[in-house]
N, C-alpha and C. Protein backbone atom coordinates (compact mmCIF):
# COMPACT_ATOMS: atom_id res chain seq x y z
N MET A 1 -32.31 -120.49 85.88
CA MET A 1 -31.38 -119.50 86.41
C MET A 1 -29.95 -119.79 85.93
N LYS A 2 -29.58 -121.08 85.95
CA LYS A 2 -28.25 -121.46 85.51
C LYS A 2 -28.03 -121.12 84.04
N PHE A 3 -29.08 -121.40 83.23
CA PHE A 3 -28.95 -121.10 81.80
C PHE A 3 -28.86 -119.60 81.57
N LYS A 4 -29.61 -118.83 82.36
CA LYS A 4 -29.56 -117.38 82.21
C LYS A 4 -28.17 -116.85 82.53
N LEU A 5 -27.58 -117.36 83.60
CA LEU A 5 -26.24 -116.94 83.98
C LEU A 5 -25.22 -117.30 82.90
N LEU A 6 -25.36 -118.51 82.34
CA LEU A 6 -24.45 -118.93 81.28
C LEU A 6 -24.59 -118.04 80.05
N ASN A 7 -25.82 -117.68 79.73
CA ASN A 7 -26.03 -116.80 78.58
C ASN A 7 -25.33 -115.46 78.77
N ILE A 8 -25.39 -114.94 80.00
CA ILE A 8 -24.75 -113.67 80.30
C ILE A 8 -23.23 -113.79 80.14
N ILE A 9 -22.69 -114.90 80.65
CA ILE A 9 -21.25 -115.12 80.55
C ILE A 9 -20.81 -115.23 79.10
N VAL A 10 -21.56 -116.02 78.31
CA VAL A 10 -21.23 -116.19 76.90
C VAL A 10 -21.28 -114.85 76.17
N LEU A 11 -22.34 -114.07 76.45
CA LEU A 11 -22.48 -112.77 75.80
C LEU A 11 -21.31 -111.85 76.16
N GLY A 12 -20.89 -111.89 77.42
CA GLY A 12 -19.78 -111.07 77.86
C GLY A 12 -18.49 -111.42 77.16
N ILE A 13 -18.23 -112.72 77.03
CA ILE A 13 -16.99 -113.16 76.38
C ILE A 13 -17.00 -112.81 74.90
N ILE A 14 -18.13 -112.99 74.24
CA ILE A 14 -18.23 -112.66 72.81
C ILE A 14 -18.02 -111.16 72.61
N THR A 15 -18.60 -110.35 73.50
CA THR A 15 -18.42 -108.91 73.40
C THR A 15 -16.96 -108.53 73.57
N PHE A 16 -16.32 -109.16 74.56
CA PHE A 16 -14.89 -108.90 74.79
C PHE A 16 -14.07 -109.29 73.57
N ALA A 17 -14.36 -110.45 73.01
CA ALA A 17 -13.61 -110.93 71.85
C ALA A 17 -13.78 -109.99 70.67
N SER A 18 -15.00 -109.51 70.48
CA SER A 18 -15.26 -108.59 69.37
C SER A 18 -14.50 -107.29 69.55
N THR A 19 -14.51 -106.77 70.79
CA THR A 19 -13.80 -105.53 71.07
C THR A 19 -12.31 -105.70 70.86
N PHE A 20 -11.79 -106.82 71.35
CA PHE A 20 -10.36 -107.09 71.21
C PHE A 20 -9.94 -107.18 69.75
N SER A 21 -10.76 -107.87 68.96
CA SER A 21 -10.39 -108.08 67.56
C SER A 21 -10.46 -106.80 66.75
N ASN A 22 -11.25 -105.81 67.21
CA ASN A 22 -11.38 -104.57 66.47
C ASN A 22 -10.44 -103.48 66.96
N ALA A 23 -9.69 -103.77 68.05
CA ALA A 23 -8.81 -102.76 68.64
C ALA A 23 -7.45 -102.82 67.98
N GLY A 24 -7.40 -102.85 66.68
CA GLY A 24 -6.15 -103.11 65.98
C GLY A 24 -5.46 -101.89 65.46
N ILE A 25 -5.04 -101.97 64.24
CA ILE A 25 -4.14 -101.00 63.65
C ILE A 25 -4.90 -99.99 62.79
N ILE A 26 -4.51 -98.73 62.91
CA ILE A 26 -5.08 -97.66 62.08
C ILE A 26 -3.99 -97.13 61.17
N THR A 27 -4.27 -97.08 59.87
CA THR A 27 -3.32 -96.53 58.91
C THR A 27 -3.98 -95.40 58.13
N LEU A 28 -3.35 -94.25 58.12
CA LEU A 28 -3.83 -93.10 57.35
C LEU A 28 -3.03 -93.05 56.05
N ASP A 29 -3.68 -93.40 54.93
CA ASP A 29 -2.97 -93.42 53.65
C ASP A 29 -3.32 -92.22 52.76
N PHE A 30 -4.27 -91.39 53.21
CA PHE A 30 -4.63 -90.13 52.56
C PHE A 30 -5.30 -90.30 51.20
N GLU A 31 -5.59 -91.53 50.83
CA GLU A 31 -6.33 -91.73 49.58
C GLU A 31 -7.76 -91.18 49.75
N GLY A 32 -8.21 -90.42 48.80
CA GLY A 32 -9.53 -89.81 48.89
C GLY A 32 -9.51 -88.34 49.24
N VAL A 33 -8.39 -87.88 49.80
CA VAL A 33 -8.25 -86.44 50.05
C VAL A 33 -7.93 -85.76 48.72
N ALA A 34 -8.52 -84.62 48.47
CA ALA A 34 -8.35 -83.95 47.18
C ALA A 34 -6.94 -83.40 47.01
N ASN A 35 -6.51 -83.28 45.75
CA ASN A 35 -5.20 -82.75 45.45
C ASN A 35 -5.05 -81.31 45.96
N GLN A 36 -3.97 -81.07 46.72
CA GLN A 36 -3.66 -79.76 47.30
C GLN A 36 -4.65 -79.32 48.37
N ALA A 37 -5.53 -80.20 48.81
CA ALA A 37 -6.50 -79.84 49.84
C ALA A 37 -5.87 -79.95 51.23
N ALA A 38 -6.31 -79.07 52.13
CA ALA A 38 -5.95 -79.22 53.54
C ALA A 38 -6.71 -80.43 54.09
N ILE A 39 -6.01 -81.33 54.77
CA ILE A 39 -6.63 -82.59 55.22
C ILE A 39 -7.68 -82.32 56.29
N LEU A 40 -7.40 -81.45 57.22
CA LEU A 40 -8.32 -80.98 58.26
C LEU A 40 -9.04 -82.12 58.98
N GLU A 41 -10.37 -82.22 58.78
CA GLU A 41 -11.20 -83.18 59.52
C GLU A 41 -11.55 -84.42 58.69
N PHE A 42 -10.81 -84.70 57.65
CA PHE A 42 -11.09 -85.84 56.78
C PHE A 42 -11.18 -87.14 57.56
N TYR A 43 -10.33 -87.31 58.57
CA TYR A 43 -10.33 -88.52 59.41
C TYR A 43 -10.98 -88.29 60.77
N ASN A 44 -11.84 -87.27 60.85
CA ASN A 44 -12.45 -86.92 62.13
C ASN A 44 -13.95 -86.70 62.00
N GLY A 45 -14.57 -87.40 61.07
CA GLY A 45 -16.00 -87.27 60.88
C GLY A 45 -16.41 -86.03 60.10
N GLY A 46 -15.44 -85.28 59.60
CA GLY A 46 -15.72 -84.09 58.81
C GLY A 46 -15.18 -84.23 57.41
N THR A 47 -14.62 -83.16 56.89
CA THR A 47 -14.14 -83.18 55.50
C THR A 47 -12.79 -82.48 55.38
N ASP A 48 -12.16 -82.68 54.21
CA ASP A 48 -10.99 -81.88 53.88
C ASP A 48 -11.48 -80.52 53.39
N SER A 49 -10.57 -79.66 52.97
CA SER A 49 -10.95 -78.30 52.58
C SER A 49 -11.76 -78.24 51.30
N GLN A 50 -11.87 -79.40 50.60
CA GLN A 50 -12.69 -79.43 49.38
C GLN A 50 -13.92 -80.31 49.52
N GLY A 51 -14.25 -80.68 50.76
CA GLY A 51 -15.51 -81.37 51.02
C GLY A 51 -15.49 -82.88 50.98
N ASN A 52 -14.33 -83.49 50.90
CA ASN A 52 -14.24 -84.96 50.87
C ASN A 52 -14.08 -85.51 52.28
N SER A 53 -14.67 -86.67 52.54
CA SER A 53 -14.60 -87.27 53.87
C SER A 53 -14.09 -88.70 53.81
N GLY A 54 -13.48 -89.15 54.91
CA GLY A 54 -12.95 -90.50 55.01
C GLY A 54 -13.44 -91.19 56.26
N GLU A 55 -12.72 -92.20 56.73
CA GLU A 55 -13.07 -92.91 57.95
C GLU A 55 -12.93 -91.97 59.15
N ASP A 56 -13.83 -92.12 60.11
CA ASP A 56 -13.77 -91.30 61.31
C ASP A 56 -12.94 -92.01 62.37
N TYR A 57 -11.68 -91.59 62.51
CA TYR A 57 -10.77 -92.15 63.51
C TYR A 57 -10.55 -91.19 64.68
N GLY A 58 -11.24 -90.06 64.69
CA GLY A 58 -11.01 -89.09 65.73
C GLY A 58 -9.68 -88.38 65.58
N ILE A 59 -9.17 -88.30 64.35
CA ILE A 59 -7.87 -87.71 64.07
C ILE A 59 -8.05 -86.52 63.13
N SER A 60 -7.50 -85.38 63.52
CA SER A 60 -7.60 -84.18 62.69
C SER A 60 -6.20 -83.62 62.41
N PHE A 61 -6.12 -82.71 61.46
CA PHE A 61 -4.85 -82.13 61.06
C PHE A 61 -4.92 -80.61 61.07
N GLY A 62 -3.77 -79.98 61.34
CA GLY A 62 -3.69 -78.53 61.26
C GLY A 62 -3.79 -78.05 59.83
N SER A 63 -3.99 -76.75 59.67
CA SER A 63 -4.26 -76.19 58.33
C SER A 63 -3.07 -76.28 57.39
N ASP A 64 -1.86 -76.49 57.91
CA ASP A 64 -0.69 -76.59 57.03
C ASP A 64 -0.51 -77.97 56.42
N ALA A 65 -1.20 -78.97 56.95
CA ALA A 65 -1.08 -80.34 56.44
C ALA A 65 -1.92 -80.50 55.18
N LEU A 66 -1.26 -80.75 54.05
CA LEU A 66 -1.93 -80.83 52.76
C LEU A 66 -1.76 -82.22 52.15
N ALA A 67 -2.66 -82.55 51.25
CA ALA A 67 -2.55 -83.80 50.49
C ALA A 67 -2.13 -83.47 49.07
N CYS A 68 -1.33 -84.35 48.47
CA CYS A 68 -0.92 -84.11 47.09
C CYS A 68 -0.93 -85.42 46.31
N ILE A 69 -1.60 -85.42 45.19
CA ILE A 69 -1.63 -86.58 44.29
C ILE A 69 -0.49 -86.43 43.30
N ASP A 70 0.20 -87.54 43.02
CA ASP A 70 1.38 -87.43 42.14
C ASP A 70 0.97 -87.05 40.72
N SER A 71 1.94 -86.49 40.00
CA SER A 71 1.67 -85.92 38.67
C SER A 71 1.22 -86.96 37.65
N ASP A 72 1.57 -88.24 37.87
CA ASP A 72 1.15 -89.29 36.94
C ASP A 72 -0.34 -89.58 37.05
N ASN A 73 -0.97 -89.07 38.10
CA ASN A 73 -2.39 -89.34 38.31
C ASN A 73 -3.21 -88.06 38.44
N GLY A 74 -2.73 -87.03 37.76
CA GLY A 74 -3.51 -85.80 37.67
C GLY A 74 -3.22 -84.78 38.74
N GLY A 75 -2.29 -85.08 39.66
CA GLY A 75 -1.96 -84.12 40.70
C GLY A 75 -0.78 -83.26 40.31
N GLY A 76 -0.20 -82.61 41.29
CA GLY A 76 0.90 -81.72 40.99
C GLY A 76 2.18 -82.02 41.73
N CYS A 77 2.28 -83.20 42.34
CA CYS A 77 3.46 -83.51 43.16
C CYS A 77 4.44 -84.42 42.43
N GLY A 78 5.72 -84.25 42.77
CA GLY A 78 6.76 -85.04 42.15
C GLY A 78 7.11 -86.28 42.94
N PHE A 79 6.12 -86.90 43.59
CA PHE A 79 6.36 -88.14 44.32
C PHE A 79 6.20 -89.34 43.38
N ALA A 80 6.95 -90.39 43.69
CA ALA A 80 6.86 -91.63 42.93
C ALA A 80 7.04 -92.81 43.88
N ASN A 81 6.54 -93.96 43.46
CA ASN A 81 6.67 -95.19 44.26
C ASN A 81 6.04 -95.05 45.64
N GLU A 82 4.97 -94.29 45.76
CA GLU A 82 4.31 -94.12 47.04
C GLU A 82 3.90 -95.47 47.62
N PRO A 83 3.97 -95.63 48.94
CA PRO A 83 3.59 -96.90 49.57
C PRO A 83 2.17 -97.33 49.21
N THR A 84 1.25 -96.37 49.19
CA THR A 84 -0.12 -96.63 48.71
C THR A 84 -0.49 -95.49 47.76
N PRO A 85 -0.37 -95.73 46.47
CA PRO A 85 -0.64 -94.68 45.48
C PRO A 85 -2.08 -94.20 45.60
N HIS A 86 -2.33 -92.89 45.37
CA HIS A 86 -1.36 -91.99 44.73
C HIS A 86 -1.24 -90.69 45.53
N THR A 87 -1.65 -90.72 46.79
CA THR A 87 -1.76 -89.50 47.58
C THR A 87 -0.83 -89.55 48.79
N THR A 88 -0.17 -88.43 49.05
CA THR A 88 0.71 -88.32 50.21
C THR A 88 0.39 -87.05 50.98
N MET A 89 0.96 -86.93 52.17
CA MET A 89 0.82 -85.72 52.98
C MET A 89 2.10 -84.90 52.88
N PHE A 90 1.97 -83.58 52.75
CA PHE A 90 3.13 -82.70 52.75
C PHE A 90 2.70 -81.35 53.29
N PHE A 91 3.61 -80.40 53.32
CA PHE A 91 3.26 -79.05 53.78
C PHE A 91 4.15 -78.05 53.07
N THR A 92 3.61 -76.86 52.80
CA THR A 92 4.36 -75.81 52.12
C THR A 92 4.74 -74.67 53.06
N SER A 93 4.25 -74.74 54.30
CA SER A 93 4.63 -73.77 55.32
C SER A 93 4.40 -74.41 56.69
N GLY A 94 5.14 -73.93 57.67
CA GLY A 94 4.98 -74.48 59.01
C GLY A 94 5.38 -75.94 59.07
N SER A 95 4.46 -76.77 59.54
CA SER A 95 4.66 -78.22 59.60
C SER A 95 3.30 -78.89 59.61
N ALA A 96 3.28 -80.20 59.46
CA ALA A 96 2.02 -80.94 59.44
C ALA A 96 1.72 -81.43 60.86
N VAL A 97 0.69 -80.86 61.46
CA VAL A 97 0.31 -81.19 62.84
C VAL A 97 -0.87 -82.15 62.84
N LEU A 98 -0.72 -83.25 63.55
CA LEU A 98 -1.79 -84.25 63.70
C LEU A 98 -2.28 -84.24 65.13
N ASN A 99 -3.60 -84.20 65.33
CA ASN A 99 -4.20 -84.29 66.66
C ASN A 99 -5.03 -85.55 66.78
N ASN A 100 -4.80 -86.30 67.84
CA ASN A 100 -5.55 -87.51 68.13
C ASN A 100 -6.26 -87.30 69.46
N ALA A 101 -7.54 -86.96 69.40
CA ALA A 101 -8.28 -86.55 70.59
C ALA A 101 -8.34 -87.66 71.64
N LEU A 102 -8.44 -88.90 71.22
CA LEU A 102 -8.53 -90.02 72.16
C LEU A 102 -7.17 -90.36 72.77
N GLY A 103 -6.12 -89.97 72.12
CA GLY A 103 -4.78 -90.28 72.59
C GLY A 103 -4.33 -91.67 72.15
N PHE A 104 -3.03 -91.90 72.19
CA PHE A 104 -2.48 -93.20 71.83
C PHE A 104 -1.19 -93.42 72.61
N ASP A 105 -0.90 -94.69 72.89
CA ASP A 105 0.28 -95.00 73.70
C ASP A 105 1.06 -96.20 73.17
N THR A 106 0.77 -96.62 71.97
CA THR A 106 1.41 -97.82 71.42
C THR A 106 2.53 -97.50 70.44
N GLY A 107 2.89 -96.24 70.35
CA GLY A 107 3.87 -95.86 69.34
C GLY A 107 3.20 -95.73 67.97
N PHE A 108 3.98 -95.33 66.99
CA PHE A 108 3.43 -95.19 65.65
C PHE A 108 4.57 -95.25 64.64
N SER A 109 4.21 -95.34 63.36
CA SER A 109 5.21 -95.44 62.30
C SER A 109 4.67 -94.77 61.04
N PHE A 110 5.55 -94.62 60.05
CA PHE A 110 5.16 -93.93 58.82
C PHE A 110 6.24 -94.15 57.77
N TYR A 111 5.90 -93.81 56.54
CA TYR A 111 6.88 -93.72 55.46
C TYR A 111 7.17 -92.24 55.20
N TYR A 112 8.40 -91.95 54.77
CA TYR A 112 8.72 -90.57 54.41
C TYR A 112 9.69 -90.55 53.24
N SER A 113 9.67 -89.44 52.48
CA SER A 113 10.63 -89.19 51.41
C SER A 113 10.97 -87.71 51.48
N SER A 114 12.27 -87.39 51.56
CA SER A 114 12.64 -86.00 51.81
C SER A 114 14.00 -85.66 51.20
N THR A 115 14.15 -84.40 50.80
CA THR A 115 15.43 -83.90 50.30
C THR A 115 16.30 -83.35 51.42
N ALA A 116 15.75 -83.23 52.61
CA ALA A 116 16.47 -82.65 53.75
C ALA A 116 16.17 -83.44 55.01
N SER A 117 16.78 -83.05 56.12
CA SER A 117 16.54 -83.76 57.38
C SER A 117 15.09 -83.56 57.83
N VAL A 118 14.58 -84.54 58.54
CA VAL A 118 13.18 -84.56 58.98
C VAL A 118 13.15 -84.71 60.50
N ALA A 119 12.30 -83.93 61.15
CA ALA A 119 12.11 -84.04 62.60
C ALA A 119 10.65 -84.32 62.89
N VAL A 120 10.38 -85.36 63.68
CA VAL A 120 9.02 -85.69 64.09
C VAL A 120 8.98 -85.72 65.62
N ASN A 121 8.08 -84.95 66.21
CA ASN A 121 7.98 -84.83 67.66
C ASN A 121 6.58 -85.20 68.14
N VAL A 122 6.50 -85.83 69.29
CA VAL A 122 5.23 -86.29 69.86
C VAL A 122 4.99 -85.58 71.19
N TYR A 123 3.76 -85.09 71.37
CA TYR A 123 3.42 -84.32 72.57
C TYR A 123 2.22 -84.94 73.31
N SER A 124 2.19 -84.68 74.59
CA SER A 124 1.11 -85.24 75.42
C SER A 124 -0.20 -84.52 75.24
N GLY A 125 -0.16 -83.25 74.82
CA GLY A 125 -1.38 -82.47 74.66
C GLY A 125 -1.75 -82.22 73.21
N ILE A 126 -2.98 -81.73 73.02
CA ILE A 126 -3.45 -81.35 71.69
C ILE A 126 -2.66 -80.14 71.19
N ASN A 127 -2.46 -80.07 69.88
CA ASN A 127 -1.80 -78.93 69.23
C ASN A 127 -0.41 -78.67 69.79
N LEU A 128 0.33 -79.74 70.00
CA LEU A 128 1.74 -79.67 70.38
C LEU A 128 1.94 -79.00 71.74
N THR A 129 1.01 -79.23 72.64
CA THR A 129 1.12 -78.70 74.00
C THR A 129 1.51 -79.83 74.96
N GLY A 130 1.74 -79.47 76.20
CA GLY A 130 2.08 -80.47 77.21
C GLY A 130 3.54 -80.89 77.11
N ASP A 131 3.80 -82.13 77.49
CA ASP A 131 5.17 -82.64 77.52
C ASP A 131 5.59 -83.20 76.17
N LEU A 132 6.87 -83.02 75.84
CA LEU A 132 7.45 -83.66 74.67
C LEU A 132 7.76 -85.10 75.06
N LEU A 133 7.06 -86.06 74.47
CA LEU A 133 7.18 -87.47 74.85
C LEU A 133 8.25 -88.21 74.05
N GLY A 134 8.58 -87.72 72.89
CA GLY A 134 9.57 -88.40 72.07
C GLY A 134 9.85 -87.65 70.79
N SER A 135 11.02 -87.89 70.22
CA SER A 135 11.43 -87.25 68.97
C SER A 135 12.20 -88.24 68.11
N ILE A 136 12.15 -88.01 66.82
CA ILE A 136 12.96 -88.80 65.90
C ILE A 136 13.47 -87.88 64.80
N ASN A 137 14.75 -87.98 64.50
CA ASN A 137 15.37 -87.20 63.43
C ASN A 137 15.78 -88.15 62.31
N LEU A 138 15.38 -87.82 61.10
CA LEU A 138 15.63 -88.68 59.94
C LEU A 138 16.39 -87.89 58.88
N THR A 139 17.19 -88.59 58.11
CA THR A 139 18.04 -87.92 57.12
C THR A 139 17.40 -87.89 55.74
N SER A 140 17.98 -87.09 54.87
CA SER A 140 17.53 -87.01 53.47
C SER A 140 17.62 -88.39 52.81
N ASN A 141 16.59 -88.73 52.05
CA ASN A 141 16.57 -90.08 51.45
C ASN A 141 15.90 -90.15 50.09
N TRP A 142 15.52 -89.03 49.52
CA TRP A 142 14.58 -89.00 48.40
C TRP A 142 15.02 -89.78 47.17
N GLN A 143 16.32 -89.90 46.95
CA GLN A 143 16.78 -90.63 45.77
C GLN A 143 17.80 -91.71 46.13
N ASP A 144 17.71 -92.21 47.34
CA ASP A 144 18.57 -93.33 47.74
C ASP A 144 18.24 -94.58 46.95
N ASN A 145 19.15 -95.52 46.95
CA ASN A 145 18.95 -96.83 46.30
C ASN A 145 18.77 -96.74 44.80
N SER A 146 19.23 -95.63 44.20
CA SER A 146 19.13 -95.46 42.74
C SER A 146 17.72 -95.74 42.23
N CYS A 147 16.73 -95.22 42.95
CA CYS A 147 15.34 -95.55 42.62
C CYS A 147 14.90 -94.88 41.33
N GLY A 148 13.89 -95.47 40.73
CA GLY A 148 13.25 -94.91 39.55
C GLY A 148 11.85 -94.44 39.89
N GLY A 149 11.22 -93.77 38.94
CA GLY A 149 9.87 -93.28 39.18
C GLY A 149 8.80 -94.26 38.79
N ASP A 150 7.56 -93.78 38.81
CA ASP A 150 6.44 -94.68 38.48
C ASP A 150 5.44 -94.07 37.48
N PRO A 151 5.84 -93.56 36.33
CA PRO A 151 7.20 -93.56 35.75
C PRO A 151 8.00 -92.31 36.06
N THR A 152 7.38 -91.25 36.62
CA THR A 152 8.13 -90.03 36.89
C THR A 152 7.96 -89.62 38.34
N GLY A 153 8.85 -88.77 38.79
CA GLY A 153 8.77 -88.29 40.17
C GLY A 153 10.15 -88.29 40.80
N ALA A 154 10.58 -87.13 41.28
CA ALA A 154 11.91 -87.01 41.86
C ALA A 154 12.00 -87.64 43.24
N PHE A 155 10.92 -87.55 44.02
CA PHE A 155 10.91 -88.14 45.37
C PHE A 155 10.50 -89.60 45.22
N CYS A 156 11.48 -90.45 44.92
CA CYS A 156 11.13 -91.82 44.52
C CYS A 156 11.55 -92.90 45.51
N ASN A 157 12.22 -92.51 46.59
CA ASN A 157 12.60 -93.50 47.61
C ASN A 157 11.88 -93.20 48.92
N TRP A 158 11.33 -94.23 49.54
CA TRP A 158 10.59 -94.08 50.80
C TRP A 158 11.20 -94.99 51.86
N ASP A 159 11.42 -94.42 53.04
CA ASP A 159 11.93 -95.19 54.17
C ASP A 159 10.95 -95.14 55.33
N ILE A 160 11.12 -96.05 56.28
CA ILE A 160 10.24 -96.14 57.44
C ILE A 160 10.82 -95.34 58.60
N GLY A 161 9.95 -94.59 59.24
CA GLY A 161 10.28 -93.96 60.52
C GLY A 161 9.32 -94.50 61.56
N SER A 162 9.82 -94.80 62.75
CA SER A 162 8.95 -95.29 63.82
C SER A 162 9.43 -94.75 65.15
N LEU A 163 8.51 -94.61 66.07
CA LEU A 163 8.83 -93.98 67.35
C LEU A 163 8.00 -94.60 68.46
N ASN A 164 8.67 -95.03 69.52
CA ASN A 164 8.01 -95.49 70.73
C ASN A 164 8.28 -94.48 71.84
N PHE A 165 7.37 -94.40 72.79
CA PHE A 165 7.50 -93.41 73.85
C PHE A 165 6.71 -93.88 75.07
N ALA A 166 6.95 -93.24 76.20
CA ALA A 166 6.21 -93.53 77.43
C ALA A 166 5.16 -92.44 77.64
N GLY A 167 3.96 -92.85 78.04
CA GLY A 167 2.89 -91.89 78.29
C GLY A 167 1.80 -91.95 77.24
N ILE A 168 0.86 -91.03 77.34
CA ILE A 168 -0.26 -90.93 76.40
C ILE A 168 -0.05 -89.70 75.53
N ALA A 169 0.01 -89.90 74.24
CA ALA A 169 0.22 -88.79 73.30
C ALA A 169 -1.10 -88.35 72.69
N HIS A 170 -1.18 -87.05 72.36
CA HIS A 170 -2.37 -86.51 71.70
C HIS A 170 -2.06 -85.72 70.44
N SER A 171 -0.79 -85.45 70.17
CA SER A 171 -0.48 -84.72 68.94
C SER A 171 0.93 -85.05 68.45
N ILE A 172 1.11 -84.89 67.14
CA ILE A 172 2.39 -85.15 66.49
C ILE A 172 2.73 -83.98 65.58
N ASP A 173 3.99 -83.58 65.58
CA ASP A 173 4.48 -82.54 64.69
C ASP A 173 5.37 -83.19 63.64
N PHE A 174 4.89 -83.29 62.41
CA PHE A 174 5.67 -83.81 61.29
C PHE A 174 6.38 -82.63 60.64
N GLY A 175 7.68 -82.48 60.92
CA GLY A 175 8.41 -81.32 60.46
C GLY A 175 9.39 -81.62 59.35
N GLY A 176 10.32 -80.69 59.17
CA GLY A 176 11.29 -80.79 58.08
C GLY A 176 11.26 -79.53 57.24
N ALA A 177 11.92 -79.57 56.11
CA ALA A 177 11.93 -78.42 55.22
C ALA A 177 10.61 -78.33 54.46
N ALA A 178 9.97 -77.17 54.52
CA ALA A 178 8.68 -77.00 53.86
C ALA A 178 8.78 -77.29 52.37
N ASN A 179 7.82 -78.04 51.87
CA ASN A 179 7.73 -78.39 50.45
C ASN A 179 8.85 -79.32 50.00
N GLN A 180 9.54 -79.95 50.96
CA GLN A 180 10.64 -80.83 50.61
C GLN A 180 10.53 -82.21 51.26
N VAL A 181 9.38 -82.54 51.81
CA VAL A 181 9.20 -83.84 52.46
C VAL A 181 7.75 -84.30 52.33
N GLY A 182 7.59 -85.58 52.09
CA GLY A 182 6.26 -86.18 52.02
C GLY A 182 6.15 -87.33 53.01
N PHE A 183 4.95 -87.53 53.56
CA PHE A 183 4.69 -88.61 54.49
C PHE A 183 3.54 -89.45 53.96
N ASP A 184 3.56 -90.74 54.27
CA ASP A 184 2.47 -91.61 53.83
C ASP A 184 2.31 -92.76 54.82
N ASN A 185 1.12 -93.35 54.83
CA ASN A 185 0.80 -94.51 55.66
C ASN A 185 1.20 -94.31 57.12
N ILE A 186 0.73 -93.22 57.69
CA ILE A 186 0.93 -93.00 59.13
C ILE A 186 0.12 -94.05 59.88
N THR A 187 0.80 -94.85 60.68
CA THR A 187 0.18 -96.04 61.27
C THR A 187 0.29 -96.02 62.78
N PHE A 188 -0.85 -96.22 63.45
CA PHE A 188 -0.88 -96.32 64.91
C PHE A 188 -1.03 -97.79 65.30
N GLY A 189 -0.25 -98.21 66.28
CA GLY A 189 -0.37 -99.59 66.77
C GLY A 189 0.54 -100.58 66.09
N SER A 190 1.51 -100.11 65.31
CA SER A 190 2.43 -101.02 64.63
C SER A 190 3.76 -100.31 64.36
N ALA A 191 4.86 -101.05 64.49
CA ALA A 191 6.18 -100.51 64.18
C ALA A 191 6.44 -100.50 62.69
N SER A 192 5.53 -101.10 61.91
CA SER A 192 5.66 -101.14 60.46
C SER A 192 4.44 -100.47 59.84
N PRO A 193 4.64 -99.40 59.06
CA PRO A 193 3.50 -98.68 58.47
C PRO A 193 2.92 -99.40 57.26
N ASP A 194 2.35 -100.55 57.50
CA ASP A 194 1.84 -101.39 56.42
C ASP A 194 0.35 -101.62 56.64
N SER A 195 -0.47 -101.11 55.75
CA SER A 195 -1.92 -101.23 55.93
C SER A 195 -2.42 -102.65 55.80
N SER A 196 -1.53 -103.57 55.37
CA SER A 196 -1.95 -104.97 55.23
C SER A 196 -1.73 -105.77 56.50
N VAL A 197 -1.14 -105.15 57.54
CA VAL A 197 -0.92 -105.86 58.81
C VAL A 197 -2.27 -106.28 59.38
N PRO A 198 -2.46 -107.55 59.72
CA PRO A 198 -3.76 -108.02 60.18
C PRO A 198 -4.14 -107.49 61.54
N VAL A 199 -5.44 -107.29 61.73
CA VAL A 199 -5.95 -106.90 63.04
C VAL A 199 -5.84 -108.09 63.98
N PRO A 200 -5.43 -107.89 65.24
CA PRO A 200 -5.29 -109.01 66.17
C PRO A 200 -6.58 -109.80 66.33
N GLU A 201 -6.45 -111.11 66.42
CA GLU A 201 -7.59 -111.97 66.63
C GLU A 201 -7.83 -112.17 68.12
N PRO A 202 -9.03 -112.65 68.54
CA PRO A 202 -9.28 -112.92 69.95
C PRO A 202 -8.26 -113.90 70.50
N SER A 203 -7.91 -113.73 71.76
CA SER A 203 -6.90 -114.58 72.36
C SER A 203 -7.38 -116.02 72.49
N SER A 204 -6.41 -116.92 72.56
CA SER A 204 -6.74 -118.34 72.69
C SER A 204 -7.48 -118.62 73.99
N LEU A 205 -7.23 -117.80 75.02
CA LEU A 205 -7.93 -118.01 76.30
C LEU A 205 -9.42 -117.78 76.15
N VAL A 206 -9.79 -116.79 75.35
CA VAL A 206 -11.21 -116.53 75.13
C VAL A 206 -11.85 -117.71 74.41
N ILE A 207 -11.17 -118.23 73.41
CA ILE A 207 -11.71 -119.36 72.65
C ILE A 207 -11.86 -120.58 73.55
N ILE A 208 -10.85 -120.82 74.39
CA ILE A 208 -10.94 -121.95 75.33
C ILE A 208 -12.10 -121.74 76.30
N GLY A 209 -12.27 -120.51 76.77
CA GLY A 209 -13.37 -120.23 77.69
C GLY A 209 -14.71 -120.52 77.07
N LEU A 210 -14.90 -120.15 75.81
CA LEU A 210 -16.16 -120.44 75.12
C LEU A 210 -16.39 -121.94 75.00
N ALA A 211 -15.33 -122.67 74.74
CA ALA A 211 -15.45 -124.13 74.61
C ALA A 211 -15.88 -124.76 75.94
N ILE A 212 -15.29 -124.28 77.04
CA ILE A 212 -15.64 -124.82 78.35
C ILE A 212 -17.09 -124.55 78.69
N ILE A 213 -17.55 -123.34 78.39
CA ILE A 213 -18.95 -123.00 78.66
C ILE A 213 -19.88 -123.85 77.82
N GLY A 214 -19.49 -124.10 76.58
CA GLY A 214 -20.31 -124.96 75.71
C GLY A 214 -20.45 -126.35 76.29
N LEU A 215 -19.38 -126.91 76.78
CA LEU A 215 -19.43 -128.23 77.42
C LEU A 215 -20.31 -128.21 78.65
N ARG A 216 -20.23 -127.13 79.42
CA ARG A 216 -21.04 -127.02 80.64
C ARG A 216 -22.53 -126.98 80.29
N VAL A 217 -22.87 -126.24 79.24
CA VAL A 217 -24.27 -126.16 78.82
C VAL A 217 -24.79 -127.53 78.43
N ASN A 218 -24.01 -128.28 77.68
CA ASN A 218 -24.43 -129.63 77.27
C ASN A 218 -24.65 -130.55 78.46
N LYS A 219 -23.80 -130.41 79.47
CA LYS A 219 -23.91 -131.24 80.67
C LYS A 219 -25.19 -130.91 81.43
N LEU A 220 -25.53 -129.62 81.52
CA LEU A 220 -26.73 -129.23 82.25
C LEU A 220 -28.00 -129.67 81.53
N LYS A 221 -27.92 -129.81 80.23
CA LYS A 221 -29.11 -130.23 79.47
C LYS A 221 -29.42 -131.71 79.68
N LYS A 222 -28.44 -132.50 80.09
CA LYS A 222 -28.63 -133.96 80.23
C LYS A 222 -29.37 -134.29 81.52
């Protein structure tokens, strides 16, 4: 009976540790979405408007949110120095709307390059409904820092935008001047939109707990 109880405890802790270690950072880099395709359900278990699919994060996009591959790689966009080459998100009408059905409350971040001011708004409901939880306004930055292309592209400088808020959000409105702003590496769970940020490891308390149980098992065997 004692061994059975210990097995249950060990299994519970391992399950918790596994869940904790996988509850990390999600970054949408748009690689794999077709050039000029509507992103749609690419990150929601479905496909973009041209039939391509990616990881299922439960995240979908409105019909105005498009992907564009830079001209150096066969696409039609004038972006350069993208954070993760060679695909970015942009829009030619309306704005790029992101829906996260599960919701998120840890804030988020992204890279952007724009010729005009940029407005990003976060809402509590799907499709920009409910309460406005937070907003961020960003300035034109497309050619700051005397940047060069890779080797070509007018939108060659990228800056970080990040936003924290109170409550549970379910949608984001990535706005600005149509056809004049690109977004990349939209990241949930981190103030830095870097896909190389490591996923959190199990806490030291869990590791210590496993060690204590191991010692207890050895004692009972004697």
